[in-house]
Amino acid sequence: MQPDRDSTAASNADGSSPAPSVEIVRSPTEGRNSGTYDIDLLPTLDVLREINAEDTTVPNAVAKVLPDLARAVDLGVDTLREGGRVHYFGAGTSGRIATMDAAELPPTFGIEAARVLSHHAGGESALGQAVEGIEDSPDLGRTEASSVTSADLAVCLAASGRTPYVAGALRRSREMGARTVLISANPAAPLASEADVHVGMDTGAEVIAGSTRMKAGTAQKLALNAFSTAVMVRLGYTYSNLMVGMNATNAKLRGRMVTILTEATGCPEETCAEALTAAEGDTRVALVSLLSGVGGTRASQELAASGGHVREALRRIGTTGTP
């Protein structure tokens, strides 16, 4: 019987160490792009034109999966509304994008940092410098997902849709009964069937074959930014297109919140500043008070009853405010 060519032997016949295993990846992002065969022969401006031409295809790839992304958003809304947490898992570019998105939500919307968490293969040390091979460990992914509970949502990012670290995190999250989402640049991602929702964007071959920091990375950033922003909007962290979730904890933020209140209500800056002071820096309380004419105590009560959603609080009071 002939030995399995893919198996790892203890040693070769001559006693030397066996060659490391090789995995052939057949993901769309690993193919050669026929439109950039000549990129190394071009002058600088034409190199940039070829890169830019490929980049323009990314938004359309995202647009085609918006129904799937909407399903993912609804899972995120339900999870956070019910008291759960959202966990991001990714390696390499995917993990860095996830880390950046999670880090920017508290200062942008005022959500507690512990509600949206990022897990990057290799931890903080791998954010600024690549740690080769760390993404090949499904066990590390399982360990990273050990804090996921049945109340949570795991959002797993992998350009190929097959990264072992992400696979481990996804499977562990499912075992814990969590909701799961996979965001990839591969419509036929191997892990797709294991997630509740697969957002599989067809970004095709990269300008430089296999460099998923380019179109695939851009698509993941667009999708994840849209996901988290839509979740925040649905949960009432905005009023119209204004950020109202942040509290005025310093002079800079206070000035920004006064400007937002002025734009939202049409009231003079002095009036808005006074309302913000009376609301102890809580922008939503000040906004509801200004738009409805009720005092801060009533505004705070109605916001609490509406889960912090300004429009719902105004509806409960009996006014619609302004667009």
Protein backbone atom coordinates (compact mmCIF):
# COMPACT_ATOMS: atom_id res chain seq x y z
CA MET A 1 0.00 0.00 0.00
CA GLN A 2 1.39 3.37 -0.99
CA PRO A 3 1.68 5.99 1.77
CA ASP A 4 -0.65 8.97 1.72
CA ARG A 5 1.24 11.76 -0.04
CA ASP A 6 -0.49 14.39 2.10
CA SER A 7 0.39 12.75 5.41
CA THR A 8 3.35 13.81 7.55
CA ALA A 9 5.93 11.08 7.97
CA ALA A 10 8.29 10.82 10.92
CA SER A 11 11.26 11.15 8.56
CA ASN A 12 12.25 10.70 4.96
CA ALA A 13 13.97 7.52 3.75
CA ASP A 14 17.37 9.20 4.00
CA GLY A 15 16.67 10.28 7.58
CA SER A 16 16.09 13.94 6.76
CA SER A 17 13.13 15.88 8.11
CA PRO A 18 10.00 15.82 5.96
CA ALA A 19 9.04 18.91 4.01
CA PRO A 20 6.39 21.05 5.69
CA SER A 21 2.84 20.40 4.56
CA VAL A 22 1.54 22.60 1.78
CA GLU A 23 -2.08 23.63 1.46
CA ILE A 24 -3.33 24.63 -1.97
CA VAL A 25 -5.77 27.52 -1.58
CA ARG A 26 -8.35 27.95 -4.32
CA SER A 27 -10.14 31.08 -3.18
CA PRO A 28 -11.17 33.80 -5.66
CA THR A 29 -8.90 36.23 -3.84
CA GLU A 30 -5.89 34.02 -4.60
CA GLY A 31 -6.31 34.05 -8.39
CA ARG A 32 -4.32 36.16 -10.87
CA ASN A 33 -5.96 39.28 -12.18
CA SER A 34 -5.76 39.31 -15.97
CA GLY A 35 -6.15 43.08 -15.99
CA THR A 36 -2.89 43.72 -14.14
CA TYR A 37 -0.40 41.35 -15.80
CA ASP A 38 1.64 44.36 -16.94
CA ILE A 39 1.59 46.30 -13.66
CA ASP A 40 5.33 45.93 -13.09
CA LEU A 41 6.08 47.42 -16.52
CA LEU A 42 4.05 50.60 -16.08
CA PRO A 43 4.99 54.11 -14.99
CA THR A 44 3.78 55.22 -11.57
CA LEU A 45 0.60 56.97 -12.68
CA ASP A 46 -0.56 53.98 -14.69
CA VAL A 47 0.13 51.63 -11.79
CA LEU A 48 -2.14 53.80 -9.67
CA ARG A 49 -4.78 53.87 -12.40
CA GLU A 50 -4.88 50.07 -12.51
CA ILE A 51 -5.20 49.88 -8.71
CA ASN A 52 -7.90 52.53 -8.69
CA ALA A 53 -9.85 50.85 -11.48
CA GLU A 54 -9.98 47.65 -9.45
CA ASP A 55 -10.93 49.53 -6.28
CA THR A 56 -13.99 51.01 -7.98
CA THR A 57 -15.50 47.52 -8.25
CA VAL A 58 -15.62 47.01 -4.48
CA PRO A 59 -18.74 49.08 -3.58
CA ASN A 60 -20.77 47.16 -6.15
CA ALA A 61 -19.61 43.85 -4.64
CA VAL A 62 -20.82 45.08 -1.25
CA ALA A 63 -24.11 46.33 -2.71
CA LYS A 64 -24.94 42.87 -4.01
CA VAL A 65 -24.89 41.37 -0.50
CA LEU A 66 -26.83 44.10 1.33
CA PRO A 67 -29.78 41.77 2.04
CA ASP A 68 -27.40 39.41 3.85
CA LEU A 69 -25.75 42.33 5.63
CA ALA A 70 -29.20 43.53 6.75
CA ARG A 71 -29.83 40.12 8.32
CA ALA A 72 -26.51 40.43 10.15
CA VAL A 73 -27.47 43.92 11.38
CA ASP A 74 -30.77 42.63 12.73
CA LEU A 75 -28.89 39.93 14.65
CA GLY A 76 -26.62 42.63 16.09
CA VAL A 77 -29.55 44.81 17.10
CA ASP A 78 -31.36 41.93 18.77
CA THR A 79 -28.20 40.84 20.58
CA LEU A 80 -27.36 44.24 22.04
CA ARG A 81 -30.99 45.08 22.79
CA GLU A 82 -31.30 41.85 24.78
CA GLY A 83 -28.16 42.59 26.81
CA GLY A 84 -25.67 40.46 24.90
CA ARG A 85 -22.36 41.42 23.34
CA VAL A 86 -20.96 41.49 19.82
CA HIS A 87 -17.59 39.77 19.32
CA TYR A 88 -15.42 40.32 16.23
CA PHE A 89 -12.90 37.62 15.25
CA GLY A 90 -10.26 37.97 12.55
CA ALA A 91 -6.63 37.40 11.61
CA GLY A 92 -4.24 39.65 9.73
CA THR A 93 -5.94 42.42 7.78
CA SER A 94 -9.39 41.15 8.78
CA GLY A 95 -8.49 41.27 12.46
CA ARG A 96 -7.02 44.75 12.21
CA ILE A 97 -10.14 46.05 10.49
CA ALA A 98 -12.29 44.47 13.21
CA THR A 99 -10.14 45.94 15.98
CA MET A 100 -10.34 49.42 14.48
CA ASP A 101 -14.11 49.25 14.04
CA ALA A 102 -14.72 48.11 17.61
CA ALA A 103 -12.35 50.75 19.03
CA GLU A 104 -14.11 53.59 17.23
CA LEU A 105 -17.66 52.80 18.35
CA PRO A 106 -17.45 54.15 21.94
CA PRO A 107 -16.07 57.60 21.00
CA THR A 108 -18.43 57.87 18.02
CA PHE A 109 -21.67 56.66 19.54
CA GLY A 110 -21.16 56.41 23.29
CA ILE A 111 -21.74 52.67 23.55
CA GLU A 112 -19.84 50.95 26.37
CA ALA A 113 -16.57 49.43 25.17
CA ALA A 114 -17.47 46.07 26.72
CA ARG A 115 -20.52 45.69 24.45
CA VAL A 116 -18.55 45.29 21.19
CA LEU A 117 -15.27 43.38 21.53
CA SER A 118 -12.58 42.50 19.00
CA HIS A 119 -10.37 39.41 19.03
CA HIS A 120 -7.33 39.46 16.74
CA ALA A 121 -5.18 36.39 16.16
CA GLY A 122 -1.93 37.01 17.99
CA GLY A 123 -3.33 39.75 20.23
CA GLU A 124 -2.05 43.31 20.45
CA SER A 125 1.48 42.40 19.39
CA ALA A 126 0.14 41.20 16.02
CA LEU A 127 -1.71 44.43 15.29
CA GLY A 128 1.35 46.46 14.38
CA GLN A 129 3.53 43.63 13.08
CA ALA A 130 2.46 40.48 11.27
CA VAL A 131 2.92 37.23 13.19
CA GLU A 132 3.17 34.55 10.53
CA GLY A 133 1.33 31.29 11.06
CA ILE A 134 -0.79 32.46 13.98
CA GLU A 135 -3.93 32.39 11.83
CA ASP A 136 -3.42 28.67 11.16
CA SER A 137 -4.44 27.68 14.69
CA PRO A 138 -8.11 26.71 15.12
CA ASP A 139 -7.36 25.97 18.77
CA LEU A 140 -6.33 29.58 19.32
CA GLY A 141 -9.63 30.68 17.80
CA ARG A 142 -11.54 28.36 20.11
CA THR A 143 -9.65 29.73 23.09
CA GLU A 144 -10.34 33.33 22.04
CA ALA A 145 -14.05 32.51 21.80
CA SER A 146 -14.20 30.96 25.27
CA SER A 147 -15.86 34.10 26.65
CA VAL A 148 -18.70 33.99 24.10
CA THR A 149 -22.09 33.06 25.57
CA SER A 150 -25.46 32.09 24.17
CA ALA A 151 -26.54 35.73 24.57
CA ASP A 152 -23.82 36.99 22.21
CA LEU A 153 -23.18 37.45 18.50
CA ALA A 154 -19.90 36.34 16.91
CA VAL A 155 -18.96 38.23 13.73
CA CYS A 156 -16.13 36.34 12.04
CA LEU A 157 -14.07 37.93 9.27
CA ALA A 158 -11.94 35.98 6.79
CA ALA A 159 -11.20 37.05 3.22
CA SER A 160 -10.99 33.44 2.05
CA GLY A 161 -13.83 32.27 4.28
CA ARG A 162 -11.69 29.42 5.59
CA THR A 163 -9.03 30.85 7.99
CA PRO A 164 -8.40 28.18 10.69
CA TYR A 165 -8.30 30.72 13.55
CA VAL A 166 -11.68 32.07 12.47
CA ALA A 167 -13.02 28.55 11.96
CA GLY A 168 -12.14 27.69 15.54
CA ALA A 169 -13.79 30.84 16.89
CA LEU A 170 -16.90 30.32 14.77
CA ARG A 171 -17.34 26.71 15.80
CA ARG A 172 -16.77 27.42 19.48
CA SER A 173 -19.30 30.26 19.34
CA ARG A 174 -21.87 27.97 17.75
CA GLU A 175 -21.26 25.34 20.42
CA MET A 176 -22.00 27.99 23.05
CA GLY A 177 -25.33 28.76 21.34
CA ALA A 178 -24.31 32.22 20.11
CA ARG A 179 -25.61 33.83 16.93
CA THR A 180 -22.96 33.82 14.20
CA VAL A 181 -22.06 35.87 11.12
CA LEU A 182 -19.28 35.25 8.59
CA ILE A 183 -18.01 38.16 6.48
CA SER A 184 -15.79 37.06 3.59
CA ALA A 185 -14.66 37.92 0.08
CA ASN A 186 -15.60 34.46 -1.15
CA PRO A 187 -19.24 33.71 -2.05
CA ALA A 188 -18.38 29.99 -1.84
CA ALA A 189 -16.60 30.26 1.51
CA PRO A 190 -16.03 26.82 3.10
CA LEU A 191 -17.26 28.13 6.47
CA ALA A 192 -20.44 29.70 5.06
CA SER A 193 -22.71 26.80 5.97
CA GLU A 194 -21.58 26.98 9.60
CA ALA A 195 -22.72 30.57 10.16
CA ASP A 196 -26.27 31.84 10.64
CA VAL A 197 -25.56 34.56 8.08
CA HIS A 198 -22.82 34.67 5.44
CA VAL A 199 -21.97 38.03 3.89
CA GLY A 200 -19.90 36.77 0.96
CA MET A 201 -18.69 39.59 -1.26
CA ASP A 202 -17.33 38.70 -4.69
CA THR A 203 -14.33 41.04 -4.95
CA GLY A 204 -12.48 38.74 -7.34
CA ALA A 205 -8.75 38.52 -7.94
CA GLU A 206 -6.58 41.17 -6.35
CA VAL A 207 -4.35 43.63 -8.23
CA ILE A 208 -1.44 41.70 -6.73
CA ALA A 209 -2.44 38.04 -6.49
CA GLY A 210 -3.38 37.02 -2.96
CA SER A 211 -2.90 40.49 -1.43
CA THR A 212 -6.21 40.54 0.42
CA ARG A 213 -5.22 43.76 2.22
CA MET A 214 -6.47 45.43 -0.98
CA LYS A 215 -9.95 44.84 -2.45
CA ALA A 216 -10.97 42.13 0.00
CA GLY A 217 -9.81 44.28 2.92
CA THR A 218 -11.63 47.33 1.57
CA ALA A 219 -14.81 45.31 1.15
CA GLN A 220 -14.59 43.98 4.69
CA LYS A 221 -14.09 47.49 6.06
CA LEU A 222 -17.07 48.80 4.11
CA ALA A 223 -19.24 45.92 5.26
CA LEU A 224 -18.17 46.10 8.91
CA ASN A 225 -18.47 49.90 9.09
CA ALA A 226 -21.94 49.64 7.57
CA PHE A 227 -22.87 46.81 9.95
CA SER A 228 -21.85 48.62 13.12
CA THR A 229 -23.20 52.00 12.03
CA ALA A 230 -26.56 50.52 11.08
CA VAL A 231 -26.73 48.69 14.41
CA MET A 232 -26.04 51.95 16.27
CA VAL A 233 -28.67 53.81 14.25
CA ARG A 234 -31.27 51.10 14.87
CA LEU A 235 -30.55 51.19 18.61
CA GLY A 236 -31.06 54.95 18.82
CA TYR A 237 -27.47 56.12 19.19
CA THR A 238 -28.24 58.76 16.55
CA TYR A 239 -31.02 61.28 16.08
CA SER A 240 -31.51 61.85 12.37
CA ASN A 241 -27.90 61.69 11.12
CA LEU A 242 -26.44 63.26 14.26
CA MET A 243 -24.41 61.52 16.98
CA VAL A 244 -26.27 61.95 20.25
CA GLY A 245 -25.02 58.99 22.27
CA MET A 246 -21.89 60.69 23.57
CA ASN A 247 -21.92 62.53 26.89
CA ALA A 248 -20.06 65.84 27.24
CA THR A 249 -17.17 64.78 29.48
CA ASN A 250 -14.72 67.54 28.50
CA ALA A 251 -14.71 71.00 26.94
CA LYS A 252 -14.11 69.74 23.40
CA LEU A 253 -16.95 67.26 23.55
CA ARG A 254 -19.18 69.82 25.22
CA GLY A 255 -18.65 72.19 22.30
CA ARG A 256 -19.40 69.41 19.82
CA MET A 257 -22.56 68.41 21.66
CA VAL A 258 -23.78 72.01 21.80
CA THR A 259 -23.31 72.23 18.03
CA ILE A 260 -25.26 68.99 17.54
CA LEU A 261 -28.08 70.24 19.77
CA THR A 262 -28.20 73.50 17.83
CA GLU A 263 -28.42 71.65 14.51
CA ALA A 264 -31.05 69.22 15.82
CA THR A 265 -33.32 71.79 17.46
CA GLY A 266 -32.66 75.14 15.81
CA CYS A 267 -32.27 76.68 19.28
CA PRO A 268 -29.55 79.26 20.03
CA GLU A 269 -26.20 77.95 21.26
CA GLU A 270 -26.71 79.55 24.67
CA THR A 271 -30.04 77.75 25.14
CA CYS A 272 -28.51 74.44 24.08
CA ALA A 273 -25.53 74.90 26.40
CA GLU A 274 -27.88 75.58 29.31
CA ALA A 275 -29.94 72.49 28.49
CA LEU A 276 -26.79 70.38 28.30
CA THR A 277 -25.66 71.64 31.69
CA ALA A 278 -29.07 70.93 33.20
CA ALA A 279 -28.90 67.41 31.73
CA GLU A 280 -25.48 66.90 33.37
CA GLY A 281 -23.86 66.42 29.99
CA ASP A 282 -26.33 63.81 28.71
CA THR A 283 -26.96 64.87 25.12
CA ARG A 284 -30.06 62.75 24.64
CA VAL A 285 -31.72 64.10 27.78
CA ALA A 286 -30.96 67.66 26.67
CA LEU A 287 -32.26 66.94 23.16
CA VAL A 288 -35.54 65.40 24.31
CA SER A 289 -36.04 68.28 26.75
CA LEU A 290 -35.41 70.92 24.10
CA LEU A 291 -37.59 69.28 21.44
CA SER A 292 -40.52 68.47 23.72
CA GLY A 293 -40.40 71.26 26.27
CA VAL A 294 -40.46 68.87 29.24
CA GLY A 295 -38.01 69.05 32.12
CA GLY A 296 -34.87 66.97 32.40
CA THR A 297 -36.39 64.51 34.85
CA ARG A 298 -39.29 63.65 32.55
CA ALA A 299 -36.98 63.49 29.54
CA SER A 300 -34.69 61.08 31.38
CA GLN A 301 -37.61 58.89 32.43
CA GLU A 302 -39.00 58.63 28.92
CA LEU A 303 -35.57 57.85 27.49
CA ALA A 304 -35.13 55.07 30.03
CA ALA A 305 -38.53 53.66 29.09
CA SER A 306 -37.64 53.76 25.39
CA GLY A 307 -34.22 52.14 25.73
CA GLY A 308 -32.42 55.41 25.07
CA HIS A 309 -34.09 55.96 21.69
CA VAL A 310 -34.75 59.70 21.24
CA ARG A 311 -37.56 59.40 18.68
CA GLU A 312 -39.38 56.82 20.78
CA ALA A 313 -39.04 59.01 23.88
CA LEU A 314 -40.51 61.94 21.94
CA ARG A 315 -43.36 59.73 20.71
CA ARG A 316 -44.12 58.74 24.29
CA ILE A 317 -44.24 62.39 25.28
CA GLY A 318 -46.50 63.22 22.37
CA THR A 319 -44.26 65.11 20.00
CA THR A 320 -42.21 64.18 16.95
CA GLY A 321 -39.45 66.75 17.25
CA THR A 322 -37.80 67.77 14.00
CA PRO A 323 -36.44 65.73 11.05
